[in-house]
């Protein structure tokens, strides 16, 4: 799937390209699933802070099976099922990568889970371990709790001992968050977020994890207790304007969470973090959701459905062309 010019997801097109040659240290993988993230749509539309040179093939996280390996490869062999943070090029039926970029997967992690955990879970891990300070027993409000980033935030926060209130707009999304350990849920389409969050937290809301922004952001900030921490993760609902006086007068802390930019500058630390998260998933401490799947030829429809918040959880593309 090729992007020839930044602009519209509708302009994605299927093209046939020559299969890359296999050079020393590289493996060829047959792609089994590619994770789809909200940022993919932003990049295609030219609305993200990182603008890839065109033409380019989207897709940053894939699961595949090794079908060919150079003679000097030692970390993977033909037949291995691997995860690869590919960067770009995942909307394809195959990829050629250096062996250092593929990670063998335990059998208990499905193709869909493995293809869709990275961005969501590493964002949450970075937020909770590098940007905010979480103490066991803290109460956290997670906005967009039924989407990929929010759901990972719920799962990881619960694993770290936090009490999580999940806020989402549909019953299906709220149930996904409750299934991952949230003790209560707020219907953002009908309930007063600030009042309900204060009530459920018994006026002791310690943290907010916000990948949504928009009109909910100020309500969530006002629900925070004095000294509380507000994590700015994303703006799928629009970029909010937060009242600085409420931050000052209550000694609240607002922190930005941009895992992608940090990862580009700290690749060794990120590689360790990736293995930590995979280890927690493999040990059953974290529980990535099984994604909704679309044929890769329907990538534009999948991106539109994600933008319109029609999907609970995560999305993966499954190659349907050879």
C-alpha atoms as a PDB file:
ATOM      1  CA  UNK A   1       0.000   0.000   0.000  1.00  0.00           C
ATOM      2  CA  UNK A   2       1.670   3.174  -1.224  1.00  0.00           C
ATOM      3  CA  UNK A   3       1.295   6.833  -0.257  1.00  0.00           C
ATOM      4  CA  UNK A   4       2.407   8.900  -3.244  1.00  0.00           C
ATOM      5  CA  UNK A   5       1.509  12.285  -1.728  1.00  0.00           C
ATOM      6  CA  UNK A   6       0.483  13.321   1.777  1.00  0.00           C
ATOM      7  CA  UNK A   7      -3.164  14.275   1.911  1.00  0.00           C
ATOM      8  CA  UNK A   8      -5.945  11.687   2.141  1.00  0.00           C
ATOM      9  CA  UNK A   9      -6.207   8.091   3.308  1.00  0.00           C
ATOM     10  CA  UNK A  10      -8.446   7.581   0.278  1.00  0.00           C
ATOM     11  CA  UNK A  11      -5.401   7.947  -1.976  1.00  0.00           C
ATOM     12  CA  UNK A  12      -3.724   4.792  -0.660  1.00  0.00           C
ATOM     13  CA  UNK A  13      -3.109   2.471  -3.575  1.00  0.00           C
ATOM     14  CA  UNK A  14      -1.963  -1.100  -4.029  1.00  0.00           C
ATOM     15  CA  UNK A  15       1.179  -1.387  -6.130  1.00  0.00           C
ATOM     16  CA  UNK A  16       3.373  -4.322  -7.100  1.00  0.00           C
ATOM     17  CA  UNK A  17       7.036  -3.813  -6.277  1.00  0.00           C
ATOM     18  CA  UNK A  18      10.102  -5.938  -6.878  1.00  0.00           C
ATOM     19  CA  UNK A  19      10.947  -8.139  -3.927  1.00  0.00           C
ATOM     20  CA  UNK A  20      14.044  -6.712  -2.158  1.00  0.00           C
ATOM     21  CA  UNK A  21      17.279  -8.653  -2.391  1.00  0.00           C
ATOM     22  CA  UNK A  22      18.446 -10.489   0.718  1.00  0.00           C
ATOM     23  CA  UNK A  23      21.847  -9.237   1.871  1.00  0.00           C
ATOM     24  CA  UNK A  24      24.159 -10.295   4.682  1.00  0.00           C
ATOM     25  CA  UNK A  25      22.609 -10.171   8.145  1.00  0.00           C
ATOM     26  CA  UNK A  26      19.053  -9.892   6.833  1.00  0.00           C
ATOM     27  CA  UNK A  27      15.908 -12.024   6.905  1.00  0.00           C
ATOM     28  CA  UNK A  28      12.836 -12.047   4.705  1.00  0.00           C
ATOM     29  CA  UNK A  29       9.529 -12.303   6.516  1.00  0.00           C
ATOM     30  CA  UNK A  30       6.059 -13.042   5.250  1.00  0.00           C
ATOM     31  CA  UNK A  31       3.880 -10.465   7.012  1.00  0.00           C
ATOM     32  CA  UNK A  32       0.988 -12.062   8.901  1.00  0.00           C
ATOM     33  CA  UNK A  33      -0.469  -8.932  10.513  1.00  0.00           C
ATOM     34  CA  UNK A  34       0.313  -5.221  10.711  1.00  0.00           C
ATOM     35  CA  UNK A  35      -0.887  -3.016  13.524  1.00  0.00           C
ATOM     36  CA  UNK A  36      -2.897   0.071  12.612  1.00  0.00           C
ATOM     37  CA  UNK A  37      -2.571   3.180  14.775  1.00  0.00           C
ATOM     38  CA  UNK A  38      -4.245   6.571  14.843  1.00  0.00           C
ATOM     39  CA  UNK A  39      -0.888   8.156  14.078  1.00  0.00           C
ATOM     40  CA  UNK A  40      -0.779   6.249  10.761  1.00  0.00           C
ATOM     41  CA  UNK A  41      -3.727   8.296   9.528  1.00  0.00           C
ATOM     42  CA  UNK A  42      -2.167  11.546  10.753  1.00  0.00           C
ATOM     43  CA  UNK A  43       1.072  10.768   8.926  1.00  0.00           C
ATOM     44  CA  UNK A  44      -0.719   9.866   5.685  1.00  0.00           C
ATOM     45  CA  UNK A  45      -2.666  13.141   5.870  1.00  0.00           C
ATOM     46  CA  UNK A  46       0.461  15.175   6.616  1.00  0.00           C
ATOM     47  CA  UNK A  47      -0.929  16.242  10.012  1.00  0.00           C
ATOM     48  CA  UNK A  48       1.688  14.592  12.206  1.00  0.00           C
ATOM     49  CA  UNK A  49       4.842  16.320  13.471  1.00  0.00           C
ATOM     50  CA  UNK A  50       6.903  13.727  11.587  1.00  0.00           C
ATOM     51  CA  UNK A  51       6.329  13.943   7.830  1.00  0.00           C
ATOM     52  CA  UNK A  52       7.833  10.988   5.959  1.00  0.00           C
ATOM     53  CA  UNK A  53       9.293  11.625   2.519  1.00  0.00           C
ATOM     54  CA  UNK A  54       6.975  10.381  -0.213  1.00  0.00           C
ATOM     55  CA  UNK A  55       6.400   7.984  -1.726  1.00  0.00           C
ATOM     56  CA  UNK A  56       6.324   5.732   1.323  1.00  0.00           C
ATOM     57  CA  UNK A  57       4.532   2.651   2.634  1.00  0.00           C
ATOM     58  CA  UNK A  58       2.803   3.080   6.014  1.00  0.00           C
ATOM     59  CA  UNK A  59       2.799   0.578   8.857  1.00  0.00           C
ATOM     60  CA  UNK A  60       5.235   0.519  11.767  1.00  0.00           C
ATOM     61  CA  UNK A  61       4.677  -2.743  13.686  1.00  0.00           C
ATOM     62  CA  UNK A  62       4.330  -6.173  12.101  1.00  0.00           C
ATOM     63  CA  UNK A  63       4.245  -9.851  12.912  1.00  0.00           C
ATOM     64  CA  UNK A  64       5.646 -12.230  10.333  1.00  0.00           C
ATOM     65  CA  UNK A  65       7.173 -15.606   9.685  1.00  0.00           C
ATOM     66  CA  UNK A  66      10.784 -15.902   8.525  1.00  0.00           C
ATOM     67  CA  UNK A  67      10.790 -17.443   5.053  1.00  0.00           C
ATOM     68  CA  UNK A  68      14.433 -16.789   4.141  1.00  0.00           C
ATOM     69  CA  UNK A  69      17.581 -15.944   6.097  1.00  0.00           C
ATOM     70  CA  UNK A  70      21.052 -14.940   4.935  1.00  0.00           C
ATOM     71  CA  UNK A  71      23.782 -17.494   5.655  1.00  0.00           C
ATOM     72  CA  UNK A  72      25.335 -15.363   8.412  1.00  0.00           C
ATOM     73  CA  UNK A  73      22.098 -14.813  10.370  1.00  0.00           C
ATOM     74  CA  UNK A  74      22.198 -16.262  13.910  1.00  0.00           C
ATOM     75  CA  UNK A  75      19.250 -14.654  15.738  1.00  0.00           C
ATOM     76  CA  UNK A  76      16.419 -16.059  13.609  1.00  0.00           C
ATOM     77  CA  UNK A  77      15.777 -19.052  11.394  1.00  0.00           C
ATOM     78  CA  UNK A  78      13.304 -20.019   8.709  1.00  0.00           C
ATOM     79  CA  UNK A  79       9.949 -20.790  10.274  1.00  0.00           C
ATOM     80  CA  UNK A  80      10.321 -18.455  13.272  1.00  0.00           C
ATOM     81  CA  UNK A  81       7.343 -16.227  14.050  1.00  0.00           C
ATOM     82  CA  UNK A  82       8.699 -12.784  14.853  1.00  0.00           C
ATOM     83  CA  UNK A  83       7.685  -9.289  15.832  1.00  0.00           C
ATOM     84  CA  UNK A  84       9.385  -6.393  14.052  1.00  0.00           C
ATOM     85  CA  UNK A  85       9.165  -2.642  14.775  1.00  0.00           C
ATOM     86  CA  UNK A  86       9.581  -1.926  11.093  1.00  0.00           C
ATOM     87  CA  UNK A  87       9.308   1.889  11.089  1.00  0.00           C
ATOM     88  CA  UNK A  88       7.572   2.099   7.708  1.00  0.00           C
ATOM     89  CA  UNK A  89       6.559  -0.473   5.128  1.00  0.00           C
ATOM     90  CA  UNK A  90       4.224  -2.673   7.161  1.00  0.00           C
ATOM     91  CA  UNK A  91       1.266  -2.336   4.782  1.00  0.00           C
ATOM     92  CA  UNK A  92       2.841  -5.046   2.608  1.00  0.00           C
ATOM     93  CA  UNK A  93       2.867  -8.812   2.220  1.00  0.00           C
ATOM     94  CA  UNK A  94       6.606  -9.134   2.961  1.00  0.00           C
ATOM     95  CA  UNK A  95       9.558  -7.263   4.400  1.00  0.00           C
ATOM     96  CA  UNK A  96      13.335  -7.640   4.452  1.00  0.00           C
ATOM     97  CA  UNK A  97      14.937  -6.606   7.737  1.00  0.00           C
ATOM     98  CA  UNK A  98      18.249  -6.873   9.539  1.00  0.00           C
ATOM     99  CA  UNK A  99      18.166  -9.720  12.046  1.00  0.00           C
ATOM    100  CA  UNK A 100      18.699  -7.239  14.909  1.00  0.00           C
ATOM    101  CA  UNK A 101      15.224  -5.828  14.227  1.00  0.00           C
ATOM    102  CA  UNK A 102      13.236  -9.055  14.628  1.00  0.00           C
ATOM    103  CA  UNK A 103      12.181 -10.550  17.952  1.00  0.00           C
ATOM    104  CA  UNK A 104      10.998 -14.189  18.214  1.00  0.00           C
ATOM    105  CA  UNK A 105       7.564 -14.429  19.807  1.00  0.00           C
ATOM    106  CA  UNK A 106       6.303 -16.822  22.486  1.00  0.00           C
ATOM    107  CA  UNK A 107       3.480 -19.084  21.325  1.00  0.00           C
ATOM    108  CA  UNK A 108       0.985 -17.647  23.813  1.00  0.00           C
ATOM    109  CA  UNK A 109       0.957 -14.222  22.094  1.00  0.00           C
ATOM    110  CA  UNK A 110      -1.323 -14.210  19.043  1.00  0.00           C
ATOM    111  CA  UNK A 111      -0.426 -12.576  15.734  1.00  0.00           C
ATOM    112  CA  UNK A 112      -2.996  -9.852  16.338  1.00  0.00           C
ATOM    113  CA  UNK A 113      -1.863  -9.055  19.875  1.00  0.00           C
ATOM    114  CA  UNK A 114       1.793  -8.956  18.854  1.00  0.00           C
ATOM    115  CA  UNK A 115       1.102  -6.683  15.868  1.00  0.00           C
ATOM    116  CA  UNK A 116      -0.825  -4.131  17.922  1.00  0.00           C
ATOM    117  CA  UNK A 117       0.766  -3.853  21.361  1.00  0.00           C
ATOM    118  CA  UNK A 118       3.860  -1.754  20.724  1.00  0.00           C
ATOM    119  CA  UNK A 119       2.730   1.832  20.269  1.00  0.00           C
ATOM    120  CA  UNK A 120      -0.036   1.640  22.865  1.00  0.00           C
ATOM    121  CA  UNK A 121       1.849  -0.229  25.577  1.00  0.00           C
ATOM    122  CA  UNK A 122       5.180   1.543  25.133  1.00  0.00           C
ATOM    123  CA  UNK A 123       3.372   4.891  25.317  1.00  0.00           C
ATOM    124  CA  UNK A 124       1.775   3.857  28.619  1.00  0.00           C
ATOM    125  CA  UNK A 125       5.019   2.356  29.951  1.00  0.00           C
ATOM    126  CA  UNK A 126       6.930   5.519  29.057  1.00  0.00           C
ATOM    127  CA  UNK A 127       4.226   7.674  30.664  1.00  0.00           C
ATOM    128  CA  UNK A 128       4.064   5.743  33.929  1.00  0.00           C
ATOM    129  CA  UNK A 129       7.762   4.978  34.362  1.00  0.00           C
ATOM    130  CA  UNK A 130       9.473   8.009  32.826  1.00  0.00           C
ATOM    131  CA  UNK A 131       7.033  10.940  32.913  1.00  0.00           C
ATOM    132  CA  UNK A 132       4.649  10.497  35.864  1.00  0.00           C
ATOM    133  CA  UNK A 133       5.044   9.079  39.346  1.00  0.00           C
ATOM    134  CA  UNK A 134       2.601   6.292  40.239  1.00  0.00           C
ATOM    135  CA  UNK A 135       2.278   4.894  43.751  1.00  0.00           C
ATOM    136  CA  UNK A 136       0.426   1.658  44.450  1.00  0.00           C
ATOM    137  CA  UNK A 137      -3.102   2.527  45.504  1.00  0.00           C
ATOM    138  CA  UNK A 138      -3.298   5.749  43.475  1.00  0.00           C
ATOM    139  CA  UNK A 139      -6.546   6.426  41.647  1.00  0.00           C
ATOM    140  CA  UNK A 140      -6.212   7.176  37.933  1.00  0.00           C
ATOM    141  CA  UNK A 141      -8.777   8.411  35.424  1.00  0.00           C
ATOM    142  CA  UNK A 142      -8.136   7.116  31.896  1.00  0.00           C
ATOM    143  CA  UNK A 143      -9.865   8.936  29.040  1.00  0.00           C
ATOM    144  CA  UNK A 144     -10.573   7.123  25.776  1.00  0.00           C
ATOM    145  CA  UNK A 145     -10.297   3.954  27.827  1.00  0.00           C
ATOM    146  CA  UNK A 146     -11.748   1.718  25.130  1.00  0.00           C
ATOM    147  CA  UNK A 147      -9.312   2.794  22.417  1.00  0.00           C
ATOM    148  CA  UNK A 148      -5.903   1.267  21.895  1.00  0.00           C
ATOM    149  CA  UNK A 149      -3.791   3.778  23.844  1.00  0.00           C
ATOM    150  CA  UNK A 150      -6.340   4.190  26.628  1.00  0.00           C
ATOM    151  CA  UNK A 151      -6.910   0.467  27.003  1.00  0.00           C
ATOM    152  CA  UNK A 152      -3.169  -0.176  27.340  1.00  0.00           C
ATOM    153  CA  UNK A 153      -3.082   2.574  29.968  1.00  0.00           C
ATOM    154  CA  UNK A 154      -5.825   0.815  31.944  1.00  0.00           C
ATOM    155  CA  UNK A 155      -4.081  -2.546  31.724  1.00  0.00           C
ATOM    156  CA  UNK A 156      -0.654  -1.270  32.762  1.00  0.00           C
ATOM    157  CA  UNK A 157      -1.957   1.006  35.524  1.00  0.00           C
ATOM    158  CA  UNK A 158      -3.884  -1.892  37.084  1.00  0.00           C
ATOM    159  CA  UNK A 159      -0.783  -4.092  36.855  1.00  0.00           C
ATOM    160  CA  UNK A 160       1.149  -1.381  38.725  1.00  0.00           C
ATOM    161  CA  UNK A 161      -1.396  -1.347  41.536  1.00  0.00           C
ATOM    162  CA  UNK A 162      -3.458   1.710  40.606  1.00  0.00           C
ATOM    163  CA  UNK A 163      -7.228   1.944  40.959  1.00  0.00           C
ATOM    164  CA  UNK A 164      -8.525   2.870  37.507  1.00  0.00           C
ATOM    165  CA  UNK A 165     -11.653   4.736  36.468  1.00  0.00           C
ATOM    166  CA  UNK A 166     -12.298   4.207  32.755  1.00  0.00           C
ATOM    167  CA  UNK A 167     -14.003   6.917  30.715  1.00  0.00           C
ATOM    168  CA  UNK A 168     -15.360   6.044  27.263  1.00  0.00           C
ATOM    169  CA  UNK A 169     -18.289   6.840  25.014  1.00  0.00           C
ATOM    170  CA  UNK A 170     -19.770   3.391  24.341  1.00  0.00           C
ATOM    171  CA  UNK A 171     -20.791   0.408  26.419  1.00  0.00           C
ATOM    172  CA  UNK A 172     -18.511  -1.885  24.412  1.00  0.00           C
ATOM    173  CA  UNK A 173     -15.470   0.309  25.074  1.00  0.00           C
ATOM    174  CA  UNK A 174     -16.251   0.673  28.764  1.00  0.00           C
ATOM    175  CA  UNK A 175     -16.650  -3.096  29.086  1.00  0.00           C
ATOM    176  CA  UNK A 176     -13.241  -3.690  27.501  1.00  0.00           C
ATOM    177  CA  UNK A 177     -11.696  -1.426  30.141  1.00  0.00           C
ATOM    178  CA  UNK A 178     -13.610  -3.099  32.964  1.00  0.00           C
ATOM    179  CA  UNK A 179     -12.447  -6.487  31.677  1.00  0.00           C
ATOM    180  CA  UNK A 180      -8.859  -5.258  32.092  1.00  0.00           C
ATOM    181  CA  UNK A 181      -9.326  -4.316  35.708  1.00  0.00           C
ATOM    182  CA  UNK A 182     -10.885  -0.847  35.887  1.00  0.00           C
ATOM    183  CA  UNK A 183     -13.055  -0.723  39.007  1.00  0.00           C
ATOM    184  CA  UNK A 184     -15.546   1.768  37.545  1.00  0.00           C
ATOM    185  CA  UNK A 185     -16.499   3.377  34.244  1.00  0.00           C
ATOM    186  CA  UNK A 186     -17.899   6.734  33.165  1.00  0.00           C
ATOM    187  CA  UNK A 187     -20.099   7.234  30.113  1.00  0.00           C
ATOM    188  CA  UNK A 188     -18.635  10.373  28.564  1.00  0.00           C
ATOM    189  CA  UNK A 189     -21.624  10.744  26.244  1.00  0.00           C
ATOM    190  CA  UNK A 190     -24.159  11.166  29.070  1.00  0.00           C
ATOM    191  CA  UNK A 191     -22.377  11.790  32.391  1.00  0.00           C
ATOM    192  CA  UNK A 192     -20.618  14.801  33.886  1.00  0.00           C
ATOM    193  CA  UNK A 193     -16.984  13.683  33.767  1.00  0.00           C
ATOM    194  CA  UNK A 194     -15.701  15.977  36.519  1.00  0.00           C
ATOM    195  CA  UNK A 195     -18.487  15.274  38.978  1.00  0.00           C
ATOM    196  CA  UNK A 196     -18.541  11.536  38.349  1.00  0.00           C
ATOM    197  CA  UNK A 197     -14.749  11.184  38.573  1.00  0.00           C
ATOM    198  CA  UNK A 198     -14.715  13.030  41.889  1.00  0.00           C
ATOM    199  CA  UNK A 199     -17.541  10.882  43.190  1.00  0.00           C
ATOM    200  CA  UNK A 200     -15.972   7.576  42.165  1.00  0.00           C
ATOM    201  CA  UNK A 201     -12.539   8.570  43.479  1.00  0.00           C
ATOM    202  CA  UNK A 202     -14.044   9.884  46.725  1.00  0.00           C
ATOM    203  CA  UNK A 203     -12.389  13.226  45.928  1.00  0.00           C
ATOM    204  CA  UNK A 204      -8.947  11.659  45.725  1.00  0.00           C
ATOM    205  CA  UNK A 205      -8.111  11.511  42.015  1.00  0.00           C
ATOM    206  CA  UNK A 206      -4.328  11.286  41.771  1.00  0.00           C
ATOM    207  CA  UNK A 207      -3.692  10.950  38.024  1.00  0.00           C
ATOM    208  CA  UNK A 208      -5.304  11.540  34.638  1.00  0.00           C
ATOM    209  CA  UNK A 209      -4.130   9.712  31.497  1.00  0.00           C
ATOM    210  CA  UNK A 210      -5.493  11.639  28.516  1.00  0.00           C
ATOM    211  CA  UNK A 211      -5.054  10.483  24.898  1.00  0.00           C
ATOM    212  CA  UNK A 212      -8.251  12.333  23.893  1.00  0.00           C
ATOM    213  CA  UNK A 213      -8.028  16.045  24.694  1.00  0.00           C
ATOM    214  CA  UNK A 214     -10.914  18.101  23.330  1.00  0.00           C
ATOM    215  CA  UNK A 215     -13.779  19.139  25.594  1.00  0.00           C
ATOM    216  CA  UNK A 216     -13.023  16.398  28.131  1.00  0.00           C
ATOM    217  CA  UNK A 217      -9.563  17.703  29.000  1.00  0.00           C
ATOM    218  CA  UNK A 218     -10.549  20.638  31.200  1.00  0.00           C
ATOM    219  CA  UNK A 219     -13.187  18.560  33.001  1.00  0.00           C
ATOM    220  CA  UNK A 220     -10.587  15.909  33.761  1.00  0.00           C
ATOM    221  CA  UNK A 221      -8.090  18.508  34.967  1.00  0.00           C
ATOM    222  CA  UNK A 222     -10.666  20.042  37.305  1.00  0.00           C
ATOM    223  CA  UNK A 223     -11.460  16.584  38.712  1.00  0.00           C
ATOM    224  CA  UNK A 224      -7.833  16.113  39.834  1.00  0.00           C
ATOM    225  CA  UNK A 225      -7.055  16.441  43.520  1.00  0.00           C
ATOM    226  CA  UNK A 226      -4.501  19.010  44.709  1.00  0.00           C
ATOM    227  CA  UNK A 227      -1.046  17.788  43.781  1.00  0.00           C
ATOM    228  CA  UNK A 228      -2.462  15.488  41.113  1.00  0.00           C
ATOM    229  CA  UNK A 229      -0.715  14.652  37.846  1.00  0.00           C
ATOM    230  CA  UNK A 230      -2.198  15.135  34.378  1.00  0.00           C
ATOM    231  CA  UNK A 231      -0.576  13.238  31.470  1.00  0.00           C
ATOM    232  CA  UNK A 232      -1.111  14.797  28.035  1.00  0.00           C
ATOM    233  CA  UNK A 233      -0.894  11.872  25.606  1.00  0.00           C
ATOM    234  CA  UNK A 234      -2.823  12.843  22.473  1.00  0.00           C
ATOM    235  CA  UNK A 235      -5.538  14.928  20.875  1.00  0.00           C
ATOM    236  CA  UNK A 236      -7.961  12.716  18.952  1.00  0.00           C
ATOM    237  CA  UNK A 237     -10.718  15.018  20.220  1.00  0.00           C
ATOM    238  CA  UNK A 238      -8.821  18.228  19.441  1.00  0.00           C
ATOM    239  CA  UNK A 239      -6.117  20.275  21.178  1.00  0.00           C
ATOM    240  CA  UNK A 240      -7.539  21.685  24.442  1.00  0.00           C
ATOM    241  CA  UNK A 241      -6.826  24.924  26.284  1.00  0.00           C
ATOM    242  CA  UNK A 242      -6.165  24.115  29.933  1.00  0.00           C
ATOM    243  CA  UNK A 243      -6.676  26.824  32.593  1.00  0.00           C
ATOM    244  CA  UNK A 244      -3.224  27.565  33.999  1.00  0.00           C
ATOM    245  CA  UNK A 245      -4.669  29.131  37.153  1.00  0.00           C
ATOM    246  CA  UNK A 246      -6.162  25.780  38.203  1.00  0.00           C
ATOM    247  CA  UNK A 247      -2.774  24.144  37.716  1.00  0.00           C
ATOM    248  CA  UNK A 248      -1.037  26.784  39.841  1.00  0.00           C
ATOM    249  CA  UNK A 249      -3.575  27.129  42.657  1.00  0.00           C
ATOM    250  CA  UNK A 250      -3.766  23.385  43.327  1.00  0.00           C
ATOM    251  CA  UNK A 251      -0.119  22.468  42.686  1.00  0.00           C
ATOM    252  CA  UNK A 252      -1.159  20.096  39.923  1.00  0.00           C
ATOM    253  CA  UNK A 253       1.443  18.817  37.492  1.00  0.00           C
ATOM    254  CA  UNK A 254       0.875  18.613  33.727  1.00  0.00           C
ATOM    255  CA  UNK A 255       3.356  16.478  31.786  1.00  0.00           C
ATOM    256  CA  UNK A 256       3.679  15.764  28.091  1.00  0.00           C
ATOM    257  CA  UNK A 257       3.975  12.165  26.938  1.00  0.00           C
ATOM    258  CA  UNK A 258       5.544  11.854  23.486  1.00  0.00           C
ATOM    259  CA  UNK A 259       6.956   8.349  23.355  1.00  0.00           C
ATOM    260  CA  UNK A 260       7.644   8.542  19.614  1.00  0.00           C
ATOM    261  CA  UNK A 261       9.982  11.541  19.828  1.00  0.00           C
ATOM    262  CA  UNK A 262      11.702  10.148  22.937  1.00  0.00           C
ATOM    263  CA  UNK A 263      12.173   6.775  21.237  1.00  0.00           C
ATOM    264  CA  UNK A 264      13.961   8.352  18.266  1.00  0.00           C
ATOM    265  CA  UNK A 265      16.516   9.947  20.626  1.00  0.00           C
ATOM    266  CA  UNK A 266      16.832   7.014  23.057  1.00  0.00           C
ATOM    267  CA  UNK A 267      16.800   3.876  20.943  1.00  0.00           C
ATOM    268  CA  UNK A 268      18.812   1.693  23.338  1.00  0.00           C
ATOM    269  CA  UNK A 269      16.573   2.589  26.285  1.00  0.00           C
ATOM    270  CA  UNK A 270      13.559   2.012  24.071  1.00  0.00           C
ATOM    271  CA  UNK A 271      14.825  -1.425  23.026  1.00  0.00           C
ATOM    272  CA  UNK A 272      15.132  -2.393  26.699  1.00  0.00           C
ATOM    273  CA  UNK A 273      11.661  -1.025  27.371  1.00  0.00           C
ATOM    274  CA  UNK A 274      10.246  -3.037  24.464  1.00  0.00           C
ATOM    275  CA  UNK A 275      11.710  -6.247  25.880  1.00  0.00           C
ATOM    276  CA  UNK A 276      10.379  -5.396  29.350  1.00  0.00           C
ATOM    277  CA  UNK A 277       6.866  -4.951  27.972  1.00  0.00           C
ATOM    278  CA  UNK A 278       7.063  -8.133  25.901  1.00  0.00           C
ATOM    279  CA  UNK A 279       8.251  -9.983  28.998  1.00  0.00           C
ATOM    280  CA  UNK A 280       5.280  -8.723  31.018  1.00  0.00           C
ATOM    281  CA  UNK A 281       2.913  -9.827  28.245  1.00  0.00           C
ATOM    282  CA  UNK A 282       4.606 -13.221  28.012  1.00  0.00           C
ATOM    283  CA  UNK A 283       4.316 -13.661  31.799  1.00  0.00           C
ATOM    284  CA  UNK A 284       0.601 -12.893  31.691  1.00  0.00           C
ATOM    285  CA  UNK A 285       0.918  -9.660  33.676  1.00  0.00           C
ATOM    286  CA  UNK A 286      -0.306  -7.526  30.766  1.00  0.00           C
ATOM    287  CA  UNK A 287      -3.191  -8.428  28.502  1.00  0.00           C
ATOM    288  CA  UNK A 288      -3.259  -6.827  25.031  1.00  0.00           C
ATOM    289  CA  UNK A 289      -6.670  -6.978  23.436  1.00  0.00           C
ATOM    290  CA  UNK A 290      -7.262  -9.162  20.387  1.00  0.00           C
ATOM    291  CA  UNK A 291      -7.687  -6.638  17.562  1.00  0.00           C
ATOM    292  CA  UNK A 292     -10.413  -6.095  15.021  1.00  0.00           C
ATOM    293  CA  UNK A 293      -8.973  -7.117  11.639  1.00  0.00           C
ATOM    294  CA  UNK A 294      -9.420  -5.710   8.143  1.00  0.00           C
ATOM    295  CA  UNK A 295      -7.997  -6.981   4.842  1.00  0.00           C
ATOM    296  CA  UNK A 296      -5.013  -4.825   3.943  1.00  0.00           C
ATOM    297  CA  UNK A 297      -6.688  -3.784   0.689  1.00  0.00           C
ATOM    298  CA  UNK A 298      -9.326  -2.100   2.910  1.00  0.00           C
ATOM    299  CA  UNK A 299      -6.754  -0.049   4.831  1.00  0.00           C
ATOM    300  CA  UNK A 300      -8.452   3.244   3.928  1.00  0.00           C
ATOM    301  CA  UNK A 301     -11.762   2.030   5.381  1.00  0.00           C
ATOM    302  CA  UNK A 302     -10.012   0.823   8.530  1.00  0.00           C
ATOM    303  CA  UNK A 303      -8.323   4.206   8.947  1.00  0.00           C
ATOM    304  CA  UNK A 304     -11.637   6.042   8.471  1.00  0.00           C
ATOM    305  CA  UNK A 305     -13.369   3.821  11.020  1.00  0.00           C
ATOM    306  CA  UNK A 306     -10.569   4.464  13.490  1.00  0.00           C
ATOM    307  CA  UNK A 307     -10.754   8.227  12.949  1.00  0.00           C
ATOM    308  CA  UNK A 308     -14.525   8.131  13.470  1.00  0.00           C
ATOM    309  CA  UNK A 309     -14.093   6.156  16.710  1.00  0.00           C
ATOM    310  CA  UNK A 310     -16.144   3.251  15.436  1.00  0.00           C
ATOM    311  CA  UNK A 311     -13.659   0.671  16.731  1.00  0.00           C
ATOM    312  CA  UNK A 312     -13.215  -0.545  20.300  1.00  0.00           C
ATOM    313  CA  UNK A 313      -9.694  -1.689  21.146  1.00  0.00           C
ATOM    314  CA  UNK A 314      -7.083  -2.150  18.448  1.00  0.00           C
ATOM    315  CA  UNK A 315      -6.986  -2.764  14.675  1.00  0.00           C
ATOM    316  CA  UNK A 316      -4.739  -4.973  12.577  1.00  0.00           C
ATOM    317  CA  UNK A 317      -4.442  -5.325   8.825  1.00  0.00           C
ATOM    318  CA  UNK A 318      -4.167  -8.833   7.347  1.00  0.00           C
ATOM    319  CA  UNK A 319      -2.509  -9.096   3.910  1.00  0.00           C
ATOM    320  CA  UNK A 320      -4.981 -10.231   1.251  1.00  0.00           C
ATOM    321  CA  UNK A 321      -2.721  -9.885  -1.799  1.00  0.00           C
ATOM    322  CA  UNK A 322       0.393 -11.786  -2.882  1.00  0.00           C
END
